[in-house]
Amino acid sequence: MDPDDQPTPKPPDDVTPPPVDDAPLLPQWEERDAWTALDDLDVSPTLVPASEWPAGAQGLDGPGLFAFWVDEAGAADLSKGLELTLEAGRVYLGQAGATRWPSGRVNKDTLGDRIARTHLTGKIRSSTIRLTLAGILFAQLELVVQASALLQASAEQDLSDWMSAHLSVAVHPHDDRDSLAGLERAVAQRLDPPLNIEDHLEATSVRQSVIALRRRISREG
């Protein structure tokens, strides 16, 4: 191999947040943005119970990152559905309002709308985390599917009720929509949320189970 083609060594995690590997088209985030995001979503998050959302959460009228945390009872339910151990704590990371690359299409979503309307009270067809939870909790909540990736209204409500009972939310506002997708990728690589199933994250047994369970519910009906 030509010496110029040697891969650049990655810096240790305690020096700088991980780079956005394999995503050259994503505008670069600032290093300070990564550190403040990690603080807001992991180190010292302000957690708002889903049952009380938004309950004083700040910066919800703009774009940013958010994380869902699950309590002990909820983690037990998820562990049963996965047939694997899932610890209580931060389980999912998402974004609201990131510019869509490589097209550059503007995304006007806000944290407030994305969390409340899409995830906490939406439908599994429009929410990655709802589809994931529906797949895991399918038998326990006795969810009924009426078409591919479409729950009956009562089943969607049952899922919303479970989320309200067991989840909390932390947010990190980030005004730069263009760099938000890259920031989300970098933070996900650092935090490694178990229910995120993106290709750039390690293919763990939990993620493999999630993917299989999501496929099952997508094929029902």
N, C-alpha and C. Protein backbone atom coordinates (compact mmCIF):
# COMPACT_ATOMS: atom_id res chain seq x y z
N MET A 1 0.86 -1.20 0.00
CA MET A 1 0.00 0.00 0.00
C MET A 1 0.89 1.25 0.00
N ASP A 2 0.56 2.20 -0.84
CA ASP A 2 1.29 3.46 -0.86
C ASP A 2 1.19 4.13 0.50
N PRO A 3 2.30 4.68 1.04
CA PRO A 3 2.23 5.34 2.36
C PRO A 3 1.20 6.43 2.44
N ASP A 4 0.95 7.09 1.29
CA ASP A 4 -0.04 8.18 1.30
C ASP A 4 -1.46 7.66 1.46
N ASP A 5 -1.64 6.34 1.22
CA ASP A 5 -2.98 5.76 1.32
C ASP A 5 -3.27 5.18 2.69
N GLN A 6 -2.30 5.27 3.59
CA GLN A 6 -2.51 4.73 4.93
C GLN A 6 -3.64 5.48 5.62
N PRO A 7 -4.57 4.78 6.32
CA PRO A 7 -5.66 5.47 7.03
C PRO A 7 -5.13 6.35 8.14
N THR A 8 -5.81 7.46 8.34
CA THR A 8 -5.43 8.37 9.41
C THR A 8 -5.87 7.80 10.75
N PRO A 9 -4.96 7.65 11.72
CA PRO A 9 -5.36 7.11 13.04
C PRO A 9 -6.44 7.95 13.68
N LYS A 10 -7.39 7.30 14.34
CA LYS A 10 -8.46 8.01 15.02
C LYS A 10 -7.98 8.48 16.39
N PRO A 11 -8.31 9.70 16.79
CA PRO A 11 -7.92 10.17 18.12
C PRO A 11 -8.72 9.45 19.19
N PRO A 12 -8.19 9.32 20.39
CA PRO A 12 -8.94 8.67 21.47
C PRO A 12 -10.17 9.48 21.83
N ASP A 13 -11.19 8.79 22.39
CA ASP A 13 -12.46 9.43 22.70
C ASP A 13 -12.31 10.57 23.70
N ASP A 14 -11.30 10.49 24.58
CA ASP A 14 -11.20 11.52 25.60
C ASP A 14 -10.47 12.77 25.11
N VAL A 15 -10.11 12.79 23.81
CA VAL A 15 -9.45 13.97 23.25
C VAL A 15 -10.41 14.77 22.38
N THR A 16 -11.14 14.06 21.54
CA THR A 16 -12.07 14.75 20.64
C THR A 16 -13.20 13.81 20.30
N PRO A 17 -14.39 14.33 20.03
CA PRO A 17 -15.50 13.47 19.63
C PRO A 17 -15.16 12.76 18.33
N PRO A 18 -15.74 11.59 18.07
CA PRO A 18 -15.41 10.83 16.87
C PRO A 18 -15.79 11.58 15.62
N PRO A 19 -15.03 11.43 14.54
CA PRO A 19 -15.34 12.12 13.30
C PRO A 19 -16.53 11.52 12.62
N VAL A 20 -17.05 12.19 11.62
CA VAL A 20 -18.17 11.68 10.85
C VAL A 20 -17.60 10.81 9.74
N ASP A 21 -17.34 9.55 10.04
CA ASP A 21 -16.72 8.66 9.08
C ASP A 21 -17.66 8.37 7.91
N ASP A 22 -17.07 8.26 6.72
CA ASP A 22 -17.81 7.85 5.54
C ASP A 22 -18.99 8.76 5.23
N ALA A 23 -18.93 10.03 5.61
CA ALA A 23 -20.02 10.95 5.32
C ALA A 23 -19.45 12.27 4.82
N PRO A 24 -18.68 12.25 3.70
CA PRO A 24 -17.99 13.46 3.25
C PRO A 24 -18.91 14.56 2.78
N LEU A 25 -20.17 14.24 2.48
CA LEU A 25 -21.08 15.25 1.97
C LEU A 25 -21.79 16.02 3.08
N LEU A 26 -21.62 15.60 4.32
CA LEU A 26 -22.30 16.26 5.42
C LEU A 26 -21.48 17.45 5.90
N PRO A 27 -22.05 18.65 5.91
CA PRO A 27 -21.32 19.81 6.43
C PRO A 27 -20.82 19.56 7.85
N GLN A 28 -19.63 20.08 8.13
CA GLN A 28 -18.96 19.78 9.39
C GLN A 28 -19.55 20.57 10.55
N TRP A 29 -19.73 19.89 11.66
CA TRP A 29 -20.15 20.50 12.91
C TRP A 29 -18.91 21.00 13.65
N GLU A 30 -19.12 21.90 14.59
CA GLU A 30 -18.03 22.40 15.42
C GLU A 30 -17.79 21.45 16.59
N GLU A 31 -16.53 21.33 16.99
CA GLU A 31 -16.19 20.42 18.08
C GLU A 31 -16.96 20.77 19.36
N ARG A 32 -17.13 22.06 19.62
CA ARG A 32 -17.85 22.45 20.84
C ARG A 32 -19.31 21.98 20.79
N ASP A 33 -19.87 21.89 19.58
CA ASP A 33 -21.25 21.42 19.44
C ASP A 33 -21.37 19.96 19.89
N ALA A 34 -20.37 19.17 19.53
CA ALA A 34 -20.39 17.76 19.93
C ALA A 34 -20.32 17.62 21.44
N TRP A 35 -19.45 18.40 22.07
CA TRP A 35 -19.30 18.29 23.52
C TRP A 35 -20.55 18.75 24.27
N THR A 36 -21.16 19.83 23.80
CA THR A 36 -22.39 20.29 24.48
C THR A 36 -23.53 19.31 24.25
N ALA A 37 -23.57 18.70 23.06
CA ALA A 37 -24.60 17.70 22.80
C ALA A 37 -24.43 16.49 23.71
N LEU A 38 -23.20 16.03 23.86
CA LEU A 38 -22.95 14.90 24.75
C LEU A 38 -23.33 15.22 26.19
N ASP A 39 -23.09 16.45 26.59
CA ASP A 39 -23.46 16.87 27.95
C ASP A 39 -24.97 16.87 28.12
N ASP A 40 -25.69 17.45 27.15
CA ASP A 40 -27.15 17.56 27.25
C ASP A 40 -27.87 16.22 27.15
N LEU A 41 -27.29 15.29 26.40
CA LEU A 41 -27.99 14.04 26.11
C LEU A 41 -27.49 12.85 26.92
N ASP A 42 -26.33 13.01 27.60
CA ASP A 42 -25.77 11.86 28.29
C ASP A 42 -25.19 12.18 29.66
N VAL A 43 -24.31 13.18 29.73
CA VAL A 43 -23.58 13.44 30.97
C VAL A 43 -24.48 14.05 32.04
N SER A 44 -25.20 15.10 31.68
CA SER A 44 -26.09 15.76 32.65
C SER A 44 -27.38 16.20 31.96
N PRO A 45 -28.15 15.23 31.49
CA PRO A 45 -29.37 15.56 30.75
C PRO A 45 -30.48 16.08 31.67
N THR A 46 -31.30 16.97 31.13
CA THR A 46 -32.53 17.37 31.80
C THR A 46 -33.63 16.48 31.25
N LEU A 47 -34.04 15.49 32.02
CA LEU A 47 -35.00 14.50 31.54
C LEU A 47 -36.43 14.93 31.86
N VAL A 48 -37.25 14.94 30.83
CA VAL A 48 -38.66 15.26 30.99
C VAL A 48 -39.46 13.98 30.75
N PRO A 49 -40.22 13.51 31.73
CA PRO A 49 -41.04 12.31 31.51
C PRO A 49 -41.98 12.51 30.32
N ALA A 50 -42.13 11.49 29.51
CA ALA A 50 -43.02 11.60 28.36
C ALA A 50 -44.44 11.94 28.79
N SER A 51 -44.83 11.48 29.96
CA SER A 51 -46.18 11.77 30.45
C SER A 51 -46.38 13.25 30.76
N GLU A 52 -45.29 13.99 30.93
CA GLU A 52 -45.37 15.41 31.27
C GLU A 52 -44.87 16.31 30.13
N TRP A 53 -44.53 15.72 29.02
CA TRP A 53 -43.94 16.48 27.91
C TRP A 53 -44.88 17.60 27.44
N PRO A 54 -44.33 18.86 27.22
CA PRO A 54 -42.93 19.26 27.23
C PRO A 54 -42.43 19.78 28.58
N ALA A 55 -43.30 20.10 29.51
CA ALA A 55 -42.95 20.39 30.91
C ALA A 55 -41.68 21.20 31.09
N GLY A 56 -41.59 22.33 30.42
CA GLY A 56 -40.46 23.24 30.64
C GLY A 56 -39.23 22.98 29.82
N ALA A 57 -39.25 22.01 28.92
CA ALA A 57 -38.10 21.77 28.05
C ALA A 57 -37.84 23.01 27.21
N GLN A 58 -36.58 23.32 26.99
CA GLN A 58 -36.18 24.55 26.31
C GLN A 58 -35.75 24.30 24.87
N GLY A 59 -35.93 25.32 24.02
CA GLY A 59 -35.43 25.28 22.65
C GLY A 59 -36.23 24.39 21.72
N LEU A 60 -37.49 24.18 21.99
CA LEU A 60 -38.28 23.24 21.20
C LEU A 60 -38.81 23.82 19.90
N ASP A 61 -38.66 25.13 19.69
CA ASP A 61 -39.18 25.75 18.46
C ASP A 61 -38.15 25.75 17.34
N GLY A 62 -37.06 25.05 17.49
CA GLY A 62 -36.03 24.97 16.46
C GLY A 62 -35.53 23.55 16.30
N PRO A 63 -34.51 23.35 15.47
CA PRO A 63 -33.96 22.01 15.23
C PRO A 63 -33.04 21.57 16.37
N GLY A 64 -32.65 20.30 16.34
CA GLY A 64 -31.72 19.80 17.35
C GLY A 64 -31.75 18.29 17.46
N LEU A 65 -31.10 17.80 18.50
CA LEU A 65 -31.03 16.38 18.80
C LEU A 65 -31.89 16.05 20.02
N PHE A 66 -32.32 14.82 20.11
CA PHE A 66 -33.07 14.38 21.29
C PHE A 66 -32.70 12.94 21.60
N ALA A 67 -32.90 12.55 22.84
CA ALA A 67 -32.65 11.17 23.26
C ALA A 67 -33.80 10.68 24.11
N PHE A 68 -34.21 9.44 23.86
CA PHE A 68 -35.21 8.79 24.69
C PHE A 68 -34.50 7.91 25.72
N TRP A 69 -34.97 8.01 26.97
CA TRP A 69 -34.47 7.19 28.07
C TRP A 69 -35.62 6.31 28.55
N VAL A 70 -35.32 5.09 28.96
CA VAL A 70 -36.35 4.18 29.44
C VAL A 70 -36.09 3.86 30.91
N ASP A 71 -37.19 3.70 31.68
CA ASP A 71 -37.06 3.39 33.10
C ASP A 71 -36.86 1.87 33.30
N GLU A 72 -36.73 1.47 34.56
CA GLU A 72 -36.43 0.07 34.87
C GLU A 72 -37.53 -0.88 34.39
N ALA A 73 -38.79 -0.51 34.65
CA ALA A 73 -39.90 -1.38 34.24
C ALA A 73 -39.98 -1.47 32.72
N GLY A 74 -39.77 -0.34 32.05
CA GLY A 74 -39.79 -0.34 30.60
C GLY A 74 -38.65 -1.16 30.02
N ALA A 75 -37.48 -1.07 30.64
CA ALA A 75 -36.34 -1.86 30.18
C ALA A 75 -36.61 -3.36 30.33
N ALA A 76 -37.32 -3.72 31.40
CA ALA A 76 -37.68 -5.13 31.59
C ALA A 76 -38.62 -5.60 30.49
N ASP A 77 -39.59 -4.76 30.12
CA ASP A 77 -40.49 -5.10 29.02
C ASP A 77 -39.72 -5.28 27.71
N LEU A 78 -38.81 -4.36 27.44
CA LEU A 78 -38.04 -4.43 26.20
C LEU A 78 -37.12 -5.64 26.19
N SER A 79 -36.53 -5.95 27.33
CA SER A 79 -35.67 -7.13 27.42
C SER A 79 -36.46 -8.40 27.13
N LYS A 80 -37.68 -8.45 27.64
CA LYS A 80 -38.53 -9.63 27.39
C LYS A 80 -38.85 -9.75 25.91
N GLY A 81 -39.19 -8.64 25.27
CA GLY A 81 -39.53 -8.69 23.85
C GLY A 81 -38.33 -9.02 22.98
N LEU A 82 -37.18 -8.51 23.36
CA LEU A 82 -35.95 -8.77 22.60
C LEU A 82 -35.38 -10.15 22.88
N GLU A 83 -35.74 -10.72 24.04
CA GLU A 83 -35.11 -11.93 24.55
C GLU A 83 -33.62 -11.71 24.74
N LEU A 84 -33.29 -10.49 25.10
CA LEU A 84 -31.92 -10.06 25.39
C LEU A 84 -31.99 -9.01 26.49
N THR A 85 -30.89 -8.80 27.18
CA THR A 85 -30.88 -7.82 28.26
C THR A 85 -30.70 -6.42 27.71
N LEU A 86 -31.59 -5.52 28.10
CA LEU A 86 -31.48 -4.11 27.77
C LEU A 86 -31.55 -3.33 29.08
N GLU A 87 -30.54 -2.55 29.36
CA GLU A 87 -30.48 -1.82 30.62
C GLU A 87 -31.33 -0.56 30.56
N ALA A 88 -31.84 -0.14 31.72
CA ALA A 88 -32.53 1.15 31.81
C ALA A 88 -31.54 2.26 31.49
N GLY A 89 -32.05 3.35 30.91
CA GLY A 89 -31.19 4.47 30.55
C GLY A 89 -31.46 4.94 29.15
N ARG A 90 -30.48 5.58 28.56
CA ARG A 90 -30.63 6.15 27.22
C ARG A 90 -30.62 5.05 26.18
N VAL A 91 -31.67 4.98 25.37
CA VAL A 91 -31.80 3.88 24.41
C VAL A 91 -31.90 4.33 22.96
N TYR A 92 -32.17 5.61 22.71
CA TYR A 92 -32.38 6.04 21.32
C TYR A 92 -32.00 7.50 21.15
N LEU A 93 -31.35 7.80 20.03
CA LEU A 93 -30.97 9.16 19.67
C LEU A 93 -31.59 9.52 18.33
N GLY A 94 -32.14 10.74 18.23
CA GLY A 94 -32.70 11.19 16.97
C GLY A 94 -32.47 12.67 16.76
N GLN A 95 -32.90 13.15 15.60
CA GLN A 95 -32.75 14.56 15.27
C GLN A 95 -34.06 15.11 14.72
N ALA A 96 -34.19 16.40 14.79
CA ALA A 96 -35.35 17.09 14.21
C ALA A 96 -34.85 18.29 13.43
N GLY A 97 -35.18 18.34 12.15
CA GLY A 97 -34.90 19.54 11.36
C GLY A 97 -33.61 19.56 10.59
N ALA A 98 -32.91 18.44 10.46
CA ALA A 98 -31.65 18.43 9.72
C ALA A 98 -31.89 18.55 8.22
N THR A 99 -31.09 19.35 7.56
CA THR A 99 -31.11 19.42 6.10
C THR A 99 -30.88 18.03 5.54
N ARG A 100 -31.62 17.69 4.48
CA ARG A 100 -31.50 16.35 3.90
C ARG A 100 -30.39 16.36 2.84
N TRP A 101 -29.34 15.62 3.12
CA TRP A 101 -28.20 15.52 2.21
C TRP A 101 -28.20 14.16 1.54
N PRO A 102 -27.73 14.07 0.27
CA PRO A 102 -26.98 15.10 -0.47
C PRO A 102 -27.85 16.08 -1.27
N SER A 103 -29.18 15.96 -1.19
CA SER A 103 -30.01 16.84 -2.01
C SER A 103 -29.99 18.28 -1.53
N GLY A 104 -29.73 18.51 -0.23
CA GLY A 104 -29.80 19.86 0.31
C GLY A 104 -31.22 20.32 0.58
N ARG A 105 -32.17 19.39 0.57
CA ARG A 105 -33.56 19.74 0.79
C ARG A 105 -33.77 20.25 2.21
N VAL A 106 -34.46 21.37 2.33
CA VAL A 106 -34.70 21.98 3.64
C VAL A 106 -35.71 21.15 4.43
N ASN A 107 -35.45 21.00 5.71
CA ASN A 107 -36.33 20.29 6.63
C ASN A 107 -36.72 21.27 7.73
N LYS A 108 -37.98 21.60 7.82
CA LYS A 108 -38.45 22.62 8.76
C LYS A 108 -38.94 22.04 10.08
N ASP A 109 -38.71 20.76 10.32
CA ASP A 109 -39.13 20.16 11.59
C ASP A 109 -38.51 20.89 12.78
N THR A 110 -39.22 20.90 13.88
CA THR A 110 -38.69 21.41 15.15
C THR A 110 -38.67 20.28 16.17
N LEU A 111 -37.88 20.46 17.21
CA LEU A 111 -37.84 19.47 18.27
C LEU A 111 -39.22 19.23 18.88
N GLY A 112 -39.94 20.33 19.10
CA GLY A 112 -41.26 20.20 19.73
C GLY A 112 -42.21 19.36 18.91
N ASP A 113 -42.31 19.65 17.61
CA ASP A 113 -43.23 18.90 16.76
C ASP A 113 -42.77 17.47 16.56
N ARG A 114 -41.48 17.28 16.33
CA ARG A 114 -40.96 15.95 16.04
C ARG A 114 -41.18 15.00 17.22
N ILE A 115 -40.88 15.48 18.40
CA ILE A 115 -41.00 14.61 19.57
C ILE A 115 -42.46 14.34 19.91
N ALA A 116 -43.27 15.39 19.95
CA ALA A 116 -44.66 15.22 20.38
C ALA A 116 -45.53 14.57 19.32
N ARG A 117 -45.54 15.13 18.11
CA ARG A 117 -46.49 14.69 17.09
C ARG A 117 -46.05 13.44 16.35
N THR A 118 -44.75 13.31 16.10
CA THR A 118 -44.27 12.17 15.33
C THR A 118 -44.00 10.96 16.21
N HIS A 119 -43.33 11.19 17.34
CA HIS A 119 -42.89 10.05 18.15
C HIS A 119 -43.83 9.70 19.30
N LEU A 120 -44.17 10.64 20.13
CA LEU A 120 -44.96 10.31 21.32
C LEU A 120 -46.42 10.03 21.00
N THR A 121 -46.97 10.64 19.96
CA THR A 121 -48.39 10.45 19.64
C THR A 121 -48.63 10.18 18.16
N GLY A 122 -47.61 9.77 17.43
CA GLY A 122 -47.73 9.60 15.98
C GLY A 122 -48.11 8.19 15.58
N LYS A 123 -47.60 7.77 14.41
CA LYS A 123 -47.85 6.45 13.87
C LYS A 123 -46.53 5.77 13.57
N ILE A 124 -46.53 4.44 13.58
CA ILE A 124 -45.27 3.72 13.38
C ILE A 124 -44.72 3.93 11.98
N ARG A 125 -45.56 4.26 11.02
CA ARG A 125 -45.07 4.48 9.65
C ARG A 125 -44.20 5.72 9.53
N SER A 126 -44.36 6.67 10.43
CA SER A 126 -43.61 7.92 10.33
C SER A 126 -42.59 8.09 11.45
N SER A 127 -42.44 7.10 12.31
CA SER A 127 -41.55 7.21 13.47
C SER A 127 -40.71 5.96 13.61
N THR A 128 -39.40 6.11 13.47
CA THR A 128 -38.49 4.98 13.60
C THR A 128 -38.58 4.35 14.99
N ILE A 129 -38.60 5.19 16.03
CA ILE A 129 -38.61 4.63 17.38
C ILE A 129 -39.95 3.96 17.68
N ARG A 130 -41.05 4.48 17.18
CA ARG A 130 -42.35 3.83 17.39
C ARG A 130 -42.38 2.46 16.70
N LEU A 131 -41.86 2.38 15.48
CA LEU A 131 -41.83 1.09 14.78
C LEU A 131 -40.96 0.09 15.53
N THR A 132 -39.83 0.56 16.02
CA THR A 132 -38.95 -0.31 16.80
C THR A 132 -39.64 -0.81 18.06
N LEU A 133 -40.24 0.09 18.81
CA LEU A 133 -40.92 -0.31 20.05
C LEU A 133 -42.11 -1.22 19.76
N ALA A 134 -42.84 -0.95 18.68
CA ALA A 134 -43.98 -1.80 18.32
C ALA A 134 -43.51 -3.22 18.01
N GLY A 135 -42.39 -3.33 17.30
CA GLY A 135 -41.86 -4.65 17.01
C GLY A 135 -41.46 -5.40 18.26
N ILE A 136 -40.80 -4.71 19.18
CA ILE A 136 -40.34 -5.36 20.41
C ILE A 136 -41.50 -5.73 21.33
N LEU A 137 -42.49 -4.84 21.44
CA LEU A 137 -43.59 -5.00 22.39
C LEU A 137 -44.83 -5.62 21.76
N PHE A 138 -44.71 -6.11 20.56
CA PHE A 138 -45.87 -6.58 19.79
C PHE A 138 -46.73 -7.56 20.58
N ALA A 139 -46.11 -8.59 21.14
CA ALA A 139 -46.88 -9.61 21.87
C ALA A 139 -47.36 -9.11 23.23
N GLN A 140 -46.48 -8.39 23.93
CA GLN A 140 -46.83 -7.95 25.28
C GLN A 140 -48.00 -6.97 25.28
N LEU A 141 -48.04 -6.08 24.30
CA LEU A 141 -49.12 -5.09 24.23
C LEU A 141 -50.30 -5.59 23.39
N GLU A 142 -50.16 -6.79 22.83
CA GLU A 142 -51.20 -7.39 21.98
C GLU A 142 -51.61 -6.40 20.88
N LEU A 143 -50.60 -5.87 20.20
CA LEU A 143 -50.84 -4.90 19.15
C LEU A 143 -51.48 -5.57 17.94
N VAL A 144 -52.36 -4.86 17.28
CA VAL A 144 -53.06 -5.39 16.11
C VAL A 144 -52.66 -4.56 14.89
N VAL A 145 -52.20 -5.26 13.84
CA VAL A 145 -51.77 -4.62 12.61
C VAL A 145 -52.87 -4.77 11.57
N GLN A 146 -53.20 -3.66 10.90
CA GLN A 146 -54.24 -3.73 9.87
C GLN A 146 -53.67 -3.69 8.46
N ALA A 147 -52.40 -3.33 8.32
CA ALA A 147 -51.71 -3.34 7.03
C ALA A 147 -50.22 -3.27 7.32
N SER A 148 -49.40 -3.40 6.29
CA SER A 148 -47.96 -3.37 6.50
C SER A 148 -47.54 -2.09 7.20
N ALA A 149 -46.88 -2.24 8.36
CA ALA A 149 -46.40 -1.10 9.15
C ALA A 149 -47.51 -0.12 9.49
N LEU A 150 -48.71 -0.64 9.71
CA LEU A 150 -49.85 0.21 10.08
C LEU A 150 -50.64 -0.47 11.19
N LEU A 151 -50.60 0.09 12.38
CA LEU A 151 -51.35 -0.45 13.50
C LEU A 151 -52.78 0.08 13.50
N GLN A 152 -53.67 -0.69 14.09
CA GLN A 152 -54.99 -0.16 14.37
C GLN A 152 -54.86 1.03 15.31
N ALA A 153 -55.82 1.94 15.25
CA ALA A 153 -55.76 3.16 16.06
C ALA A 153 -55.64 2.83 17.54
N SER A 154 -56.36 1.82 17.99
CA SER A 154 -56.31 1.46 19.42
C SER A 154 -54.93 0.93 19.79
N ALA A 155 -54.27 0.25 18.85
CA ALA A 155 -52.93 -0.27 19.11
C ALA A 155 -51.91 0.87 19.17
N GLU A 156 -52.06 1.86 18.28
CA GLU A 156 -51.19 3.03 18.34
C GLU A 156 -51.34 3.73 19.69
N GLN A 157 -52.57 3.80 20.19
CA GLN A 157 -52.79 4.43 21.48
C GLN A 157 -52.16 3.62 22.60
N ASP A 158 -52.26 2.30 22.52
CA ASP A 158 -51.62 1.45 23.53
C ASP A 158 -50.10 1.67 23.54
N LEU A 159 -49.52 1.81 22.35
CA LEU A 159 -48.09 2.06 22.27
C LEU A 159 -47.75 3.43 22.84
N SER A 160 -48.55 4.44 22.51
CA SER A 160 -48.34 5.78 23.07
C SER A 160 -48.44 5.76 24.59
N ASP A 161 -49.38 5.00 25.11
CA ASP A 161 -49.55 4.91 26.56
C ASP A 161 -48.32 4.27 27.21
N TRP A 162 -47.77 3.24 26.57
CA TRP A 162 -46.56 2.60 27.11
C TRP A 162 -45.40 3.60 27.11
N MET A 163 -45.24 4.34 26.02
CA MET A 163 -44.17 5.33 25.94
C MET A 163 -44.34 6.41 27.01
N SER A 164 -45.57 6.83 27.21
CA SER A 164 -45.84 7.84 28.23
C SER A 164 -45.50 7.34 29.62
N ALA A 165 -45.71 6.05 29.85
CA ALA A 165 -45.49 5.48 31.18
C ALA A 165 -44.01 5.21 31.47
N HIS A 166 -43.22 4.96 30.42
CA HIS A 166 -41.86 4.44 30.66
C HIS A 166 -40.71 5.25 30.07
N LEU A 167 -40.99 6.23 29.24
CA LEU A 167 -39.92 6.97 28.59
C LEU A 167 -39.78 8.39 29.15
N SER A 168 -38.57 8.89 29.06
CA SER A 168 -38.28 10.31 29.32
C SER A 168 -37.47 10.84 28.14
N VAL A 169 -37.43 12.16 28.01
CA VAL A 169 -36.80 12.78 26.84
C VAL A 169 -35.79 13.83 27.29
N ALA A 170 -34.63 13.82 26.64
CA ALA A 170 -33.64 14.89 26.80
C ALA A 170 -33.43 15.52 25.43
N VAL A 171 -33.17 16.84 25.40
CA VAL A 171 -33.00 17.53 24.11
C VAL A 171 -31.71 18.34 24.10
N HIS A 172 -31.24 18.57 22.88
CA HIS A 172 -30.09 19.45 22.65
C HIS A 172 -30.40 20.32 21.44
N PRO A 173 -30.84 21.56 21.64
CA PRO A 173 -31.09 22.45 20.50
C PRO A 173 -29.80 22.72 19.72
N HIS A 174 -29.94 22.77 18.39
CA HIS A 174 -28.79 23.04 17.52
C HIS A 174 -29.32 23.82 16.32
N ASP A 175 -28.99 25.09 16.24
CA ASP A 175 -29.62 25.98 15.26
C ASP A 175 -29.18 25.74 13.82
N ASP A 176 -28.01 25.16 13.60
CA ASP A 176 -27.50 24.98 12.24
C ASP A 176 -28.06 23.70 11.63
N ARG A 177 -29.12 23.84 10.83
CA ARG A 177 -29.76 22.68 10.23
C ARG A 177 -28.80 21.94 9.28
N ASP A 178 -27.91 22.67 8.62
CA ASP A 178 -27.03 22.05 7.64
C ASP A 178 -26.05 21.06 8.28
N SER A 179 -25.54 21.38 9.45
CA SER A 179 -24.55 20.50 10.09
C SER A 179 -25.17 19.50 11.07
N LEU A 180 -26.49 19.55 11.23
CA LEU A 180 -27.14 18.73 12.25
C LEU A 180 -27.04 17.23 11.95
N ALA A 181 -27.16 16.84 10.69
CA ALA A 181 -27.08 15.41 10.36
C ALA A 181 -25.71 14.85 10.71
N GLY A 182 -24.67 15.60 10.41
CA GLY A 182 -23.33 15.15 10.76
C GLY A 182 -23.11 15.09 12.25
N LEU A 183 -23.67 16.06 12.96
CA LEU A 183 -23.56 16.07 14.42
C LEU A 183 -24.27 14.86 15.01
N GLU A 184 -25.47 14.55 14.50
CA GLU A 184 -26.20 13.38 14.99
C GLU A 184 -25.37 12.11 14.79
N ARG A 185 -24.76 11.97 13.63
CA ARG A 185 -23.96 10.79 13.34
C ARG A 185 -22.80 10.65 14.32
N ALA A 186 -22.10 11.77 14.54
CA ALA A 186 -20.95 11.75 15.45
C ALA A 186 -21.37 11.42 16.87
N VAL A 187 -22.45 12.01 17.35
CA VAL A 187 -22.92 11.75 18.71
C VAL A 187 -23.41 10.31 18.85
N ALA A 188 -24.09 9.79 17.82
CA ALA A 188 -24.54 8.40 17.87
C ALA A 188 -23.37 7.44 17.93
N GLN A 189 -22.30 7.74 17.19
CA GLN A 189 -21.13 6.88 17.24
C GLN A 189 -20.50 6.87 18.63
N ARG A 190 -20.56 7.99 19.30
CA ARG A 190 -19.98 8.08 20.65
C ARG A 190 -20.89 7.40 21.68
N LEU A 191 -22.18 7.67 21.63
CA LEU A 191 -23.09 7.16 22.65
C LEU A 191 -23.57 5.74 22.38
N ASP A 192 -23.59 5.34 21.11
CA ASP A 192 -23.99 3.98 20.72
C ASP A 192 -25.33 3.58 21.31
N PRO A 193 -26.42 4.33 21.06
CA PRO A 193 -27.72 3.99 21.63
C PRO A 193 -28.20 2.63 21.12
N PRO A 194 -28.60 1.72 21.99
CA PRO A 194 -28.87 0.34 21.57
C PRO A 194 -30.01 0.17 20.58
N LEU A 195 -30.99 1.07 20.59
CA LEU A 195 -32.13 0.91 19.68
C LEU A 195 -31.97 1.68 18.37
N ASN A 196 -30.86 2.37 18.18
CA ASN A 196 -30.56 2.96 16.87
C ASN A 196 -29.97 1.86 15.98
N ILE A 197 -30.44 1.77 14.74
CA ILE A 197 -30.03 0.66 13.87
C ILE A 197 -29.34 1.13 12.60
N GLU A 198 -28.78 2.34 12.60
CA GLU A 198 -28.11 2.86 11.43
C GLU A 198 -26.89 2.00 11.05
N ASP A 199 -26.57 1.99 9.76
CA ASP A 199 -25.49 1.14 9.25
C ASP A 199 -24.13 1.49 9.84
N HIS A 200 -23.94 2.76 10.25
CA HIS A 200 -22.62 3.15 10.73
C HIS A 200 -22.39 2.75 12.19
N LEU A 201 -23.37 2.09 12.81
CA LEU A 201 -23.21 1.60 14.17
C LEU A 201 -22.98 0.08 14.16
N GLU A 202 -22.33 -0.41 15.19
CA GLU A 202 -21.98 -1.83 15.26
C GLU A 202 -23.23 -2.71 15.21
N ALA A 203 -23.13 -3.82 14.49
CA ALA A 203 -24.26 -4.75 14.35
C ALA A 203 -24.33 -5.65 15.58
N THR A 204 -24.84 -5.12 16.68
CA THR A 204 -24.94 -5.88 17.92
C THR A 204 -26.09 -6.86 17.87
N SER A 205 -26.15 -7.77 18.84
CA SER A 205 -27.25 -8.73 18.90
C SER A 205 -28.58 -8.02 19.13
N VAL A 206 -28.58 -6.95 19.92
CA VAL A 206 -29.81 -6.18 20.14
C VAL A 206 -30.27 -5.56 18.82
N ARG A 207 -29.38 -4.95 18.09
CA ARG A 207 -29.77 -4.32 16.81
C ARG A 207 -30.26 -5.36 15.81
N GLN A 208 -29.61 -6.50 15.76
CA GLN A 208 -30.06 -7.55 14.84
C GLN A 208 -31.45 -8.03 15.21
N SER A 209 -31.72 -8.14 16.51
CA SER A 209 -33.06 -8.54 16.96
C SER A 209 -34.09 -7.48 16.60
N VAL A 210 -33.73 -6.20 16.82
CA VAL A 210 -34.64 -5.10 16.48
C VAL A 210 -35.00 -5.14 15.00
N ILE A 211 -34.01 -5.31 14.15
CA ILE A 211 -34.26 -5.33 12.70
C ILE A 211 -35.21 -6.47 12.34
N ALA A 212 -35.00 -7.65 12.92
CA ALA A 212 -35.88 -8.78 12.64
C ALA A 212 -37.30 -8.52 13.13
N LEU A 213 -37.45 -7.95 14.31
CA LEU A 213 -38.78 -7.67 14.86
C LEU A 213 -39.50 -6.59 14.07
N ARG A 214 -38.78 -5.59 13.59
CA ARG A 214 -39.38 -4.56 12.75
C ARG A 214 -39.88 -5.15 11.43
N ARG A 215 -39.12 -6.08 10.86
CA ARG A 215 -39.53 -6.71 9.61
C ARG A 215 -40.81 -7.50 9.81
N ARG A 216 -40.92 -8.17 10.96
CA ARG A 216 -42.10 -8.95 11.23
C ARG A 216 -43.35 -8.07 11.26
N ILE A 217 -43.28 -6.97 11.95
CA ILE A 217 -44.46 -6.11 12.06
C ILE A 217 -44.74 -5.41 10.73
N SER A 218 -43.73 -5.21 9.91
CA SER A 218 -43.93 -4.59 8.61
C SER A 218 -44.61 -5.54 7.64
N ARG A 219 -44.51 -6.82 7.91
CA ARG A 219 -45.10 -7.83 6.99
C ARG A 219 -46.45 -8.31 7.47
N GLU A 220 -46.86 -7.92 8.69
CA GLU A 220 -48.16 -8.34 9.19
C GLU A 220 -49.27 -7.68 8.37
N GLY A 221 -50.49 -8.20 8.52
CA GLY A 221 -51.64 -7.59 7.86
C GLY A 221 -51.88 -8.16 6.50
